[in-house]
PDB file of all heavy atoms in Angstrom:
ATOM      1  N   GLN A   1      10.012   2.332   8.269  1.00  0.00           N
ATOM      2  CA  GLN A   1       8.898   1.846   7.456  1.00  0.00           C
ATOM      3  C   GLN A   1       7.577   1.725   8.210  1.00  0.00           C
ATOM      4  O   GLN A   1       6.512   1.687   7.593  1.00  0.00           O
ATOM      5  CB  GLN A   1       9.252   0.498   6.822  1.00  0.00           C
ATOM      6  CG  GLN A   1       9.403  -0.660   7.783  1.00  0.00           C
ATOM      7  CD  GLN A   1       9.539  -1.972   7.020  1.00  0.00           C
ATOM      8  OE1 GLN A   1       8.825  -2.225   6.042  1.00  0.00           O
ATOM      9  NE2 GLN A   1      10.472  -2.804   7.436  1.00  0.00           N
ATOM     10  N   ASN A   2       7.611   1.716   9.523  1.00  0.00           N
ATOM     11  CA  ASN A   2       6.370   1.653  10.293  1.00  0.00           C
ATOM     12  C   ASN A   2       6.015   2.984  10.938  1.00  0.00           C
ATOM     13  O   ASN A   2       5.130   3.053  11.795  1.00  0.00           O
ATOM     14  CB  ASN A   2       6.470   0.563  11.368  1.00  0.00           C
ATOM     15  CG  ASN A   2       6.593  -0.823  10.761  1.00  0.00           C
ATOM     16  OD1 ASN A   2       5.887  -1.151   9.808  1.00  0.00           O
ATOM     17  ND2 ASN A   2       7.490  -1.633  11.293  1.00  0.00           N
ATOM     18  N   ARG A   3       6.717   4.035  10.542  1.00  0.00           N
ATOM     19  CA  ARG A   3       6.468   5.357  11.107  1.00  0.00           C
ATOM     20  C   ARG A   3       6.159   6.368   9.996  1.00  0.00           C
ATOM     21  O   ARG A   3       6.645   6.240   8.880  1.00  0.00           O
ATOM     22  CB  ARG A   3       7.686   5.849  11.914  1.00  0.00           C
ATOM     23  CG  ARG A   3       7.924   5.079  13.202  1.00  0.00           C
ATOM     24  CD  ARG A   3       9.075   5.690  13.989  1.00  0.00           C
ATOM     25  NE  ARG A   3      10.374   5.319  13.435  1.00  0.00           N
ATOM     26  CZ  ARG A   3      11.531   5.821  13.871  1.00  0.00           C
ATOM     27  NH1 ARG A   3      11.536   6.747  14.821  1.00  0.00           N
ATOM     28  NH2 ARG A   3      12.674   5.426  13.339  1.00  0.00           N
ATOM     29  N   ALA A   4       5.341   7.352  10.357  1.00  0.00           N
ATOM     30  CA  ALA A   4       5.055   8.436   9.401  1.00  0.00           C
ATOM     31  C   ALA A   4       6.293   9.311   9.257  1.00  0.00           C
ATOM     32  O   ALA A   4       7.064   9.455  10.209  1.00  0.00           O
ATOM     33  CB  ALA A   4       3.878   9.258   9.908  1.00  0.00           C
ATOM     34  N   PRO A   5       6.514   9.879   8.079  1.00  0.00           N
ATOM     35  CA  PRO A   5       5.686   9.790   6.867  1.00  0.00           C
ATOM     36  C   PRO A   5       6.078   8.650   5.934  1.00  0.00           C
ATOM     37  O   PRO A   5       5.450   8.476   4.900  1.00  0.00           O
ATOM     38  CB  PRO A   5       5.967  11.137   6.205  1.00  0.00           C
ATOM     39  CG  PRO A   5       7.414  11.392   6.522  1.00  0.00           C
ATOM     40  CD  PRO A   5       7.615  10.867   7.919  1.00  0.00           C
ATOM     41  N   VAL A   6       7.107   7.891   6.295  1.00  0.00           N
ATOM     42  CA  VAL A   6       7.584   6.827   5.412  1.00  0.00           C
ATOM     43  C   VAL A   6       6.506   5.769   5.210  1.00  0.00           C
ATOM     44  O   VAL A   6       6.304   5.285   4.087  1.00  0.00           O
ATOM     45  CB  VAL A   6       8.875   6.185   5.972  1.00  0.00           C
ATOM     46  CG1 VAL A   6       9.288   4.976   5.119  1.00  0.00           C
ATOM     47  CG2 VAL A   6      10.001   7.207   6.009  1.00  0.00           C
ATOM     48  N   ARG A   7       5.795   5.429   6.287  1.00  0.00           N
ATOM     49  CA  ARG A   7       4.737   4.419   6.164  1.00  0.00           C
ATOM     50  C   ARG A   7       3.672   4.876   5.158  1.00  0.00           C
ATOM     51  O   ARG A   7       3.191   4.087   4.329  1.00  0.00           O
ATOM     52  CB  ARG A   7       4.089   4.160   7.525  1.00  0.00           C
ATOM     53  CG  ARG A   7       3.066   3.020   7.519  1.00  0.00           C
ATOM     54  CD  ARG A   7       3.718   1.727   7.105  1.00  0.00           C
ATOM     55  NE  ARG A   7       2.766   0.635   6.958  1.00  0.00           N
ATOM     56  CZ  ARG A   7       3.070  -0.538   6.435  1.00  0.00           C
ATOM     57  NH1 ARG A   7       4.294  -0.775   6.008  1.00  0.00           N
ATOM     58  NH2 ARG A   7       2.171  -1.488   6.339  1.00  0.00           N
ATOM     59  N   ASP A   8       3.290   6.135   5.227  1.00  0.00           N
ATOM     60  CA  ASP A   8       2.280   6.665   4.303  1.00  0.00           C
ATOM     61  C   ASP A   8       2.797   6.647   2.869  1.00  0.00           C
ATOM     62  O   ASP A   8       2.030   6.406   1.935  1.00  0.00           O
ATOM     63  CB  ASP A   8       1.903   8.092   4.716  1.00  0.00           C
ATOM     64  CG  ASP A   8       1.334   8.148   6.127  1.00  0.00           C
ATOM     65  OD1 ASP A   8       0.662   7.180   6.516  1.00  0.00           O
ATOM     66  OD2 ASP A   8       1.566   9.147   6.825  1.00  0.00           O
ATOM     67  N   TRP A   9       4.076   6.916   2.716  1.00  0.00           N
ATOM     68  CA  TRP A   9       4.672   6.895   1.373  1.00  0.00           C
ATOM     69  C   TRP A   9       4.676   5.475   0.812  1.00  0.00           C
ATOM     70  O   TRP A   9       4.337   5.253  -0.363  1.00  0.00           O
ATOM     71  CB  TRP A   9       6.100   7.443   1.436  1.00  0.00           C
ATOM     72  CG  TRP A   9       6.841   7.330   0.136  1.00  0.00           C
ATOM     73  CD1 TRP A   9       6.724   8.138  -0.949  1.00  0.00           C
ATOM     74  CD2 TRP A   9       7.807   6.321  -0.204  1.00  0.00           C
ATOM     75  NE1 TRP A   9       7.565   7.700  -1.958  1.00  0.00           N
ATOM     76  CE2 TRP A   9       8.235   6.593  -1.527  1.00  0.00           C
ATOM     77  CE3 TRP A   9       8.359   5.225   0.471  1.00  0.00           C
ATOM     78  CZ2 TRP A   9       9.184   5.794  -2.175  1.00  0.00           C
ATOM     79  CZ3 TRP A   9       9.296   4.442  -0.172  1.00  0.00           C
ATOM     80  CH2 TRP A   9       9.704   4.727  -1.483  1.00  0.00           C
ATOM     81  N   ILE A  10       5.009   4.502   1.638  1.00  0.00           N
ATOM     82  CA  ILE A  10       5.042   3.096   1.214  1.00  0.00           C
ATOM     83  C   ILE A  10       3.678   2.652   0.688  1.00  0.00           C
ATOM     84  O   ILE A  10       3.581   1.958  -0.329  1.00  0.00           O
ATOM     85  CB  ILE A  10       5.488   2.197   2.382  1.00  0.00           C
ATOM     86  CG1 ILE A  10       6.986   2.380   2.660  1.00  0.00           C
ATOM     87  CG2 ILE A  10       5.183   0.718   2.095  1.00  0.00           C
ATOM     88  CD1 ILE A  10       7.492   1.623   3.873  1.00  0.00           C
ATOM     89  N   LEU A  11       2.618   3.042   1.374  1.00  0.00           N
ATOM     90  CA  LEU A  11       1.270   2.625   0.987  1.00  0.00           C
ATOM     91  C   LEU A  11       0.864   3.127  -0.393  1.00  0.00           C
ATOM     92  O   LEU A  11      -0.045   2.570  -1.018  1.00  0.00           O
ATOM     93  CB  LEU A  11       0.259   3.116   2.034  1.00  0.00           C
ATOM     94  CG  LEU A  11       0.388   2.509   3.435  1.00  0.00           C
ATOM     95  CD1 LEU A  11      -0.566   3.185   4.404  1.00  0.00           C
ATOM     96  CD2 LEU A  11       0.144   1.003   3.399  1.00  0.00           C
ATOM     97  N   LEU A  12       1.542   4.160  -0.879  1.00  0.00           N
ATOM     98  CA  LEU A  12       1.219   4.726  -2.189  1.00  0.00           C
ATOM     99  C   LEU A  12       2.022   4.103  -3.328  1.00  0.00           C
ATOM    100  O   LEU A  12       1.763   4.382  -4.491  1.00  0.00           O
ATOM    101  CB  LEU A  12       1.465   6.244  -2.178  1.00  0.00           C
ATOM    102  CG  LEU A  12       0.600   7.074  -1.222  1.00  0.00           C
ATOM    103  CD1 LEU A  12       1.043   8.532  -1.259  1.00  0.00           C
ATOM    104  CD2 LEU A  12      -0.872   6.956  -1.590  1.00  0.00           C
ATOM    105  N   GLN A  13       2.998   3.259  -2.980  1.00  0.00           N
ATOM    106  CA  GLN A  13       3.893   2.708  -3.995  1.00  0.00           C
ATOM    107  C   GLN A  13       3.477   1.299  -4.414  1.00  0.00           C
ATOM    108  O   GLN A  13       2.817   0.595  -3.672  1.00  0.00           O
ATOM    109  CB  GLN A  13       5.344   2.665  -3.467  1.00  0.00           C
ATOM    110  CG  GLN A  13       5.817   3.969  -2.851  1.00  0.00           C
ATOM    111  CD  GLN A  13       5.610   5.159  -3.753  1.00  0.00           C
ATOM    112  OE1 GLN A  13       5.944   5.128  -4.940  1.00  0.00           O
ATOM    113  NE2 GLN A  13       5.064   6.240  -3.193  1.00  0.00           N
ATOM    114  N   LYS A  14       3.896   0.910  -5.617  1.00  0.00           N
ATOM    115  CA  LYS A  14       3.697  -0.472  -6.045  1.00  0.00           C
ATOM    116  C   LYS A  14       4.704  -1.362  -5.309  1.00  0.00           C
ATOM    117  O   LYS A  14       5.877  -1.010  -5.194  1.00  0.00           O
ATOM    118  CB  LYS A  14       3.915  -0.595  -7.553  1.00  0.00           C
ATOM    119  CG  LYS A  14       2.846   0.086  -8.395  1.00  0.00           C
ATOM    120  CD  LYS A  14       3.105  -0.129  -9.871  1.00  0.00           C
ATOM    121  CE  LYS A  14       2.029   0.518 -10.728  1.00  0.00           C
ATOM    122  NZ  LYS A  14       2.279   0.315 -12.173  1.00  0.00           N
ATOM    123  N   GLN A  15       4.230  -2.488  -4.822  1.00  0.00           N
ATOM    124  CA  GLN A  15       5.112  -3.387  -4.077  1.00  0.00           C
ATOM    125  C   GLN A  15       6.278  -3.857  -4.940  1.00  0.00           C
ATOM    126  O   GLN A  15       7.398  -4.018  -4.449  1.00  0.00           O
ATOM    127  CB  GLN A  15       4.321  -4.597  -3.556  1.00  0.00           C
ATOM    128  CG  GLN A  15       5.119  -5.514  -2.651  1.00  0.00           C
ATOM    129  CD  GLN A  15       5.648  -4.807  -1.412  1.00  0.00           C
ATOM    130  OE1 GLN A  15       4.903  -4.108  -0.735  1.00  0.00           O
ATOM    131  NE2 GLN A  15       6.927  -4.996  -1.116  1.00  0.00           N
ATOM    132  N   SER A  16       6.028  -4.048  -6.227  1.00  0.00           N
ATOM    133  CA  SER A  16       7.095  -4.504  -7.119  1.00  0.00           C
ATOM    134  C   SER A  16       8.226  -3.475  -7.197  1.00  0.00           C
ATOM    135  O   SER A  16       9.400  -3.837  -7.323  1.00  0.00           O
ATOM    136  CB  SER A  16       6.527  -4.762  -8.523  1.00  0.00           C
ATOM    137  OG  SER A  16       5.939  -3.584  -9.055  1.00  0.00           O
ATOM    138  N   GLU A  17       7.881  -2.171  -7.109  1.00  0.00           N
ATOM    139  CA  GLU A  17       8.895  -1.119  -7.137  1.00  0.00           C
ATOM    140  C   GLU A  17       9.644  -1.056  -5.817  1.00  0.00           C
ATOM    141  O   GLU A  17      10.856  -0.816  -5.782  1.00  0.00           O
ATOM    142  CB  GLU A  17       8.241   0.235  -7.438  1.00  0.00           C
ATOM    143  CG  GLU A  17       7.702   0.363  -8.850  1.00  0.00           C
ATOM    144  CD  GLU A  17       8.814   0.247  -9.896  1.00  0.00           C
ATOM    145  OE1 GLU A  17       9.833   0.936  -9.760  1.00  0.00           O
ATOM    146  OE2 GLU A  17       8.653  -0.558 -10.838  1.00  0.00           O
ATOM    147  N   LEU A  18       8.931  -1.279  -4.717  1.00  0.00           N
ATOM    148  CA  LEU A  18       9.577  -1.285  -3.399  1.00  0.00           C
ATOM    149  C   LEU A  18      10.557  -2.450  -3.290  1.00  0.00           C
ATOM    150  O   LEU A  18      11.626  -2.312  -2.675  1.00  0.00           O
ATOM    151  CB  LEU A  18       8.515  -1.393  -2.296  1.00  0.00           C
ATOM    152  CG  LEU A  18       7.589  -0.188  -2.117  1.00  0.00           C
ATOM    153  CD1 LEU A  18       6.496  -0.510  -1.106  1.00  0.00           C
ATOM    154  CD2 LEU A  18       8.368   1.042  -1.670  1.00  0.00           C
ATOM    155  N   ASP A  19      10.197  -3.578  -3.880  1.00  0.00           N
ATOM    156  CA  ASP A  19      11.061  -4.760  -3.814  1.00  0.00           C
ATOM    157  C   ASP A  19      12.413  -4.508  -4.476  1.00  0.00           C
ATOM    158  O   ASP A  19      13.426  -5.093  -4.077  1.00  0.00           O
ATOM    159  CB  ASP A  19      10.373  -5.953  -4.481  1.00  0.00           C
ATOM    160  CG  ASP A  19       9.160  -6.430  -3.686  1.00  0.00           C
ATOM    161  OD1 ASP A  19       9.067  -6.109  -2.492  1.00  0.00           O
ATOM    162  OD2 ASP A  19       8.306  -7.122  -4.276  1.00  0.00           O
ATOM    163  N   LYS A  20      12.429  -3.620  -5.466  1.00  0.00           N
ATOM    164  CA  LYS A  20      13.677  -3.326  -6.171  1.00  0.00           C
ATOM    165  C   LYS A  20      14.683  -2.580  -5.295  1.00  0.00           C
ATOM    166  O   LYS A  20      15.870  -2.505  -5.624  1.00  0.00           O
ATOM    167  CB  LYS A  20      13.381  -2.507  -7.429  1.00  0.00           C
ATOM    168  CG  LYS A  20      12.590  -3.273  -8.479  1.00  0.00           C
ATOM    169  CD  LYS A  20      12.267  -2.392  -9.674  1.00  0.00           C
ATOM    170  CE  LYS A  20      11.422  -3.136 -10.702  1.00  0.00           C
ATOM    171  NZ  LYS A  20      11.066  -2.285 -11.862  1.00  0.00           N
ATOM    172  N   LEU A  21      14.206  -2.024  -4.174  1.00  0.00           N
ATOM    173  CA  LEU A  21      15.106  -1.331  -3.251  1.00  0.00           C
ATOM    174  C   LEU A  21      15.860  -2.316  -2.354  1.00  0.00           C
ATOM    175  O   LEU A  21      16.842  -1.948  -1.708  1.00  0.00           O
ATOM    176  CB  LEU A  21      14.313  -0.351  -2.373  1.00  0.00           C
ATOM    177  CG  LEU A  21      13.592   0.792  -3.103  1.00  0.00           C
ATOM    178  CD1 LEU A  21      12.850   1.663  -2.104  1.00  0.00           C
ATOM    179  CD2 LEU A  21      14.571   1.629  -3.917  1.00  0.00           C
ATOM    180  N   HIS A  22      15.352  -3.562  -2.283  1.00  0.00           N
ATOM    181  CA  HIS A  22      15.990  -4.632  -1.506  1.00  0.00           C
ATOM    182  C   HIS A  22      16.147  -4.252  -0.035  1.00  0.00           C
ATOM    183  O   HIS A  22      17.182  -4.504   0.591  1.00  0.00           O
ATOM    184  CB  HIS A  22      17.360  -4.988  -2.102  1.00  0.00           C
ATOM    185  CG  HIS A  22      17.316  -5.357  -3.551  1.00  0.00           C
ATOM    186  ND1 HIS A  22      16.707  -6.515  -4.001  1.00  0.00           N
ATOM    187  CD2 HIS A  22      17.779  -4.707  -4.658  1.00  0.00           C
ATOM    188  CE1 HIS A  22      16.809  -6.576  -5.321  1.00  0.00           C
ATOM    189  NE2 HIS A  22      17.451  -5.487  -5.749  1.00  0.00           N
ATOM    190  N   LEU A  23      15.089  -3.662   0.515  1.00  0.00           N
ATOM    191  CA  LEU A  23      15.113  -3.257   1.923  1.00  0.00           C
ATOM    192  C   LEU A  23      14.095  -4.023   2.763  1.00  0.00           C
ATOM    193  O   LEU A  23      14.002  -3.815   3.962  1.00  0.00           O
ATOM    194  CB  LEU A  23      14.821  -1.747   2.047  1.00  0.00           C
ATOM    195  CG  LEU A  23      15.818  -0.788   1.398  1.00  0.00           C
ATOM    196  CD1 LEU A  23      15.319   0.648   1.528  1.00  0.00           C
ATOM    197  CD2 LEU A  23      17.194  -0.927   2.044  1.00  0.00           C
ATOM    198  N   GLY A  24      13.312  -4.885   2.113  1.00  0.00           N
ATOM    199  CA  GLY A  24      12.282  -5.626   2.830  1.00  0.00           C
ATOM    200  C   GLY A  24      11.066  -4.779   3.175  1.00  0.00           C
ATOM    201  O   GLY A  24      10.319  -5.112   4.100  1.00  0.00           O
ATOM    202  N   LEU A  25      10.849  -3.694   2.442  1.00  0.00           N
ATOM    203  CA  LEU A  25       9.690  -2.836   2.703  1.00  0.00           C
ATOM    204  C   LEU A  25       8.418  -3.532   2.230  1.00  0.00           C
ATOM    205  O   LEU A  25       8.373  -4.060   1.127  1.00  0.00           O
ATOM    206  CB  LEU A  25       9.843  -1.498   1.974  1.00  0.00           C
ATOM    207  CG  LEU A  25      11.089  -0.665   2.306  1.00  0.00           C
ATOM    208  CD1 LEU A  25      11.089   0.617   1.484  1.00  0.00           C
ATOM    209  CD2 LEU A  25      11.156  -0.356   3.789  1.00  0.00           C
ATOM    210  N   THR A  26       7.398  -3.536   3.048  1.00  0.00           N
ATOM    211  CA  THR A  26       6.129  -4.167   2.698  1.00  0.00           C
ATOM    212  C   THR A  26       4.984  -3.200   2.933  1.00  0.00           C
ATOM    213  O   THR A  26       5.090  -2.266   3.723  1.00  0.00           O
ATOM    214  CB  THR A  26       5.885  -5.435   3.539  1.00  0.00           C
ATOM    215  OG1 THR A  26       5.887  -5.079   4.933  1.00  0.00           O
ATOM    216  CG2 THR A  26       6.969  -6.466   3.280  1.00  0.00           C
ATOM    217  N   GLY A  27       3.873  -3.451   2.235  1.00  0.00           N
ATOM    218  CA  GLY A  27       2.692  -2.602   2.399  1.00  0.00           C
ATOM    219  C   GLY A  27       2.301  -1.865   1.142  1.00  0.00           C
ATOM    220  O   GLY A  27       1.281  -1.174   1.112  1.00  0.00           O
ATOM    221  N   GLY A  28       3.090  -2.039   0.079  1.00  0.00           N
ATOM    222  CA  GLY A  28       2.756  -1.398  -1.186  1.00  0.00           C
ATOM    223  C   GLY A  28       1.587  -2.092  -1.864  1.00  0.00           C
ATOM    224  O   GLY A  28       1.171  -3.177  -1.458  1.00  0.00           O
ATOM    225  N   THR A  29       1.061  -1.482  -2.906  1.00  0.00           N
ATOM    226  CA  THR A  29      -0.083  -2.061  -3.618  1.00  0.00           C
ATOM    227  C   THR A  29       0.388  -3.191  -4.520  1.00  0.00           C
ATOM    228  O   THR A  29       1.435  -3.107  -5.159  1.00  0.00           O
ATOM    229  CB  THR A  29      -0.794  -0.997  -4.470  1.00  0.00           C
ATOM    230  OG1 THR A  29       0.142  -0.444  -5.409  1.00  0.00           O
ATOM    231  CG2 THR A  29      -1.330   0.113  -3.594  1.00  0.00           C
ATOM    232  N   GLN A  30      -0.402  -4.254  -4.552  1.00  0.00           N
ATOM    233  CA  GLN A  30      -0.106  -5.409  -5.403  1.00  0.00           C
ATOM    234  C   GLN A  30      -0.722  -5.183  -6.777  1.00  0.00           C
ATOM    235  O   GLN A  30      -1.880  -4.771  -6.891  1.00  0.00           O
ATOM    236  CB  GLN A  30      -0.674  -6.691  -4.781  1.00  0.00           C
ATOM    237  CG  GLN A  30      -0.094  -7.021  -3.425  1.00  0.00           C
ATOM    238  CD  GLN A  30       1.354  -7.480  -3.499  1.00  0.00           C
ATOM    239  OE1 GLN A  30       1.839  -7.834  -4.567  1.00  0.00           O
ATOM    240  NE2 GLN A  30       2.048  -7.469  -2.371  1.00  0.00           N
ATOM    241  N   GLU A  31       0.021  -5.441  -7.817  1.00  0.00           N
ATOM    242  CA  GLU A  31      -0.496  -5.271  -9.163  1.00  0.00           C
ATOM    243  C   GLU A  31      -1.595  -6.295  -9.440  1.00  0.00           C
ATOM    244  O   GLU A  31      -1.482  -7.464  -9.070  1.00  0.00           O
ATOM    245  CB  GLU A  31       0.631  -5.420 -10.180  1.00  0.00           C
ATOM    246  CG  GLU A  31       1.678  -4.307 -10.058  1.00  0.00           C
ATOM    247  CD  GLU A  31       2.759  -4.417 -11.117  1.00  0.00           C
ATOM    248  OE1 GLU A  31       2.426  -4.849 -12.226  1.00  0.00           O
ATOM    249  OE2 GLU A  31       3.905  -4.082 -10.809  1.00  0.00           O
ATOM    250  N   GLY A  32      -2.663  -5.842 -10.079  1.00  0.00           N
ATOM    251  CA  GLY A  32      -3.777  -6.735 -10.386  1.00  0.00           C
ATOM    252  C   GLY A  32      -4.854  -6.721  -9.326  1.00  0.00           C
ATOM    253  O   GLY A  32      -5.891  -7.339  -9.483  1.00  0.00           O
ATOM    254  N   TYR A  33      -4.605  -6.026  -8.208  1.00  0.00           N
ATOM    255  CA  TYR A  33      -5.599  -5.955  -7.146  1.00  0.00           C
ATOM    256  C   TYR A  33      -6.248  -4.574  -7.154  1.00  0.00           C
ATOM    257  O   TYR A  33      -5.606  -3.577  -7.444  1.00  0.00           O
ATOM    258  CB  TYR A  33      -4.967  -6.194  -5.768  1.00  0.00           C
ATOM    259  CG  TYR A  33      -4.634  -7.653  -5.515  1.00  0.00           C
ATOM    260  CD1 TYR A  33      -3.476  -8.219  -6.043  1.00  0.00           C
ATOM    261  CD2 TYR A  33      -5.491  -8.459  -4.775  1.00  0.00           C
ATOM    262  CE1 TYR A  33      -3.167  -9.551  -5.830  1.00  0.00           C
ATOM    263  CE2 TYR A  33      -5.192  -9.794  -4.549  1.00  0.00           C
ATOM    264  CZ  TYR A  33      -4.035 -10.331  -5.080  1.00  0.00           C
ATOM    265  OH  TYR A  33      -3.738 -11.655  -4.862  1.00  0.00           O
ATOM    266  N   ILE A  34      -7.510  -4.555  -6.835  1.00  0.00           N
ATOM    267  CA  ILE A  34      -8.253  -3.306  -6.772  1.00  0.00           C
ATOM    268  C   ILE A  34      -8.828  -3.165  -5.370  1.00  0.00           C
ATOM    269  O   ILE A  34      -9.438  -4.092  -4.838  1.00  0.00           O
ATOM    270  CB  ILE A  34      -9.404  -3.279  -7.795  1.00  0.00           C
ATOM    271  CG1 ILE A  34      -8.857  -3.466  -9.212  1.00  0.00           C
ATOM    272  CG2 ILE A  34     -10.204  -1.978  -7.681  1.00  0.00           C
ATOM    273  CD1 ILE A  34      -9.943  -3.551 -10.264  1.00  0.00           C
ATOM    274  N   ASN A  35      -8.629  -2.007  -4.773  1.00  0.00           N
ATOM    275  CA  ASN A  35      -9.215  -1.744  -3.471  1.00  0.00           C
ATOM    276  C   ASN A  35     -10.679  -1.377  -3.648  1.00  0.00           C
ATOM    277  O   ASN A  35     -11.013  -0.415  -4.333  1.00  0.00           O
ATOM    278  CB  ASN A  35      -8.479  -0.590  -2.777  1.00  0.00           C
ATOM    279  CG  ASN A  35      -7.076  -0.980  -2.369  1.00  0.00           C
ATOM    280  OD1 ASN A  35      -6.821  -2.120  -2.027  1.00  0.00           O
ATOM    281  ND2 ASN A  35      -6.169  -0.014  -2.405  1.00  0.00           N
ATOM    282  N   ILE A  36     -11.546  -2.168  -3.057  1.00  0.00           N
ATOM    283  CA  ILE A  36     -12.975  -1.935  -3.178  1.00  0.00           C
ATOM    284  C   ILE A  36     -13.502  -1.370  -1.870  1.00  0.00           C
ATOM    285  O   ILE A  36     -13.314  -1.959  -0.810  1.00  0.00           O
ATOM    286  CB  ILE A  36     -13.728  -3.239  -3.506  1.00  0.00           C
ATOM    287  CG1 ILE A  36     -13.220  -3.808  -4.850  1.00  0.00           C
ATOM    288  CG2 ILE A  36     -15.225  -3.003  -3.543  1.00  0.00           C
ATOM    289  CD1 ILE A  36     -13.838  -5.122  -5.223  1.00  0.00           C
ATOM    290  N   VAL A  37     -14.148  -0.228  -1.951  1.00  0.00           N
ATOM    291  CA  VAL A  37     -14.733   0.400  -0.772  1.00  0.00           C
ATOM    292  C   VAL A  37     -16.213   0.058  -0.738  1.00  0.00           C
ATOM    293  O   VAL A  37     -16.957   0.356  -1.676  1.00  0.00           O
ATOM    294  CB  VAL A  37     -14.555   1.934  -0.823  1.00  0.00           C
ATOM    295  CG1 VAL A  37     -15.192   2.569   0.404  1.00  0.00           C
ATOM    296  CG2 VAL A  37     -13.077   2.277  -0.904  1.00  0.00           C
ATOM    297  N   THR A  38     -16.644  -0.605   0.316  1.00  0.00           N
ATOM    298  CA  THR A  38     -18.038  -1.006   0.453  1.00  0.00           C
ATOM    299  C   THR A  38     -18.850   0.160   0.986  1.00  0.00           C
ATOM    300  O   THR A  38     -18.561   0.674   2.068  1.00  0.00           O
ATOM    301  CB  THR A  38     -18.181  -2.194   1.422  1.00  0.00           C
ATOM    302  OG1 THR A  38     -17.353  -3.258   0.961  1.00  0.00           O
ATOM    303  CG2 THR A  38     -19.625  -2.653   1.500  1.00  0.00           C
ATOM    304  N   PRO A  39     -19.844   0.629   0.232  1.00  0.00           N
ATOM    305  CA  PRO A  39     -20.648   1.771   0.700  1.00  0.00           C
ATOM    306  C   PRO A  39     -21.495   1.375   1.898  1.00  0.00           C
ATOM    307  O   PRO A  39     -21.945   0.233   2.019  1.00  0.00           O
ATOM    308  CB  PRO A  39     -21.511   2.106  -0.514  1.00  0.00           C
ATOM    309  CG  PRO A  39     -21.615   0.821  -1.273  1.00  0.00           C
ATOM    310  CD  PRO A  39     -20.289   0.128  -1.078  1.00  0.00           C
ATOM    311  N   LYS A  40     -21.686   2.324   2.783  1.00  0.00           N
ATOM    312  CA  LYS A  40     -22.519   2.093   3.961  1.00  0.00           C
ATOM    313  C   LYS A  40     -23.839   2.827   3.760  1.00  0.00           C
ATOM    314  O   LYS A  40     -23.864   4.039   3.603  1.00  0.00           O
ATOM    315  CB  LYS A  40     -21.814   2.616   5.214  1.00  0.00           C
ATOM    316  CG  LYS A  40     -20.535   1.852   5.545  1.00  0.00           C
ATOM    317  CD  LYS A  40     -19.912   2.384   6.825  1.00  0.00           C
ATOM    318  CE  LYS A  40     -18.644   1.613   7.168  1.00  0.00           C
ATOM    319  NZ  LYS A  40     -18.009   2.117   8.413  1.00  0.00           N
ATOM    320  N   PHE A  41     -24.927   2.036   3.718  1.00  0.00           N
ATOM    321  CA  PHE A  41     -26.233   2.629   3.503  1.00  0.00           C
ATOM    322  C   PHE A  41     -26.944   2.809   4.841  1.00  0.00           C
ATOM    323  O   PHE A  41     -26.937   1.902   5.676  1.00  0.00           O
ATOM    324  CB  PHE A  41     -27.095   1.737   2.606  1.00  0.00           C
ATOM    325  CG  PHE A  41     -26.506   1.547   1.230  1.00  0.00           C
ATOM    326  CD1 PHE A  41     -25.797   0.399   0.906  1.00  0.00           C
ATOM    327  CD2 PHE A  41     -26.624   2.541   0.281  1.00  0.00           C
ATOM    328  CE1 PHE A  41     -25.245   0.234  -0.343  1.00  0.00           C
ATOM    329  CE2 PHE A  41     -26.082   2.384  -0.983  1.00  0.00           C
ATOM    330  CZ  PHE A  41     -25.393   1.233  -1.288  1.00  0.00           C
ATOM    331  N   PRO A  42     -27.564   3.954   5.052  1.00  0.00           N
ATOM    332  CA  PRO A  42     -28.291   4.160   6.314  1.00  0.00           C
ATOM    333  C   PRO A  42     -29.529   3.271   6.366  1.00  0.00           C
ATOM    334  O   PRO A  42     -30.125   2.958   5.344  1.00  0.00           O
ATOM    335  CB  PRO A  42     -28.680   5.645   6.258  1.00  0.00           C
ATOM    336  CG  PRO A  42     -28.705   5.972   4.792  1.00  0.00           C
ATOM    337  CD  PRO A  42     -27.612   5.122   4.177  1.00  0.00           C
ATOM    338  N   ALA A  43     -29.898   2.868   7.565  1.00  0.00           N
ATOM    339  CA  ALA A  43     -31.081   2.027   7.735  1.00  0.00           C
ATOM    340  C   ALA A  43     -32.317   2.808   7.351  1.00  0.00           C
ATOM    341  O   ALA A  43     -32.428   4.007   7.604  1.00  0.00           O
ATOM    342  CB  ALA A  43     -31.170   1.574   9.201  1.00  0.00           C
TER     343      ALA A  43
END
């Protein structure tokens, strides 16, 4: 779970779906949360 490509796969999954595997996998997306990317403006 901390090595590629499994780690990359985990990051794309919903955490609730990973929990159903009962393996203790963490790092999936939490439902109701949105990843916000802050734009970087040049000076």
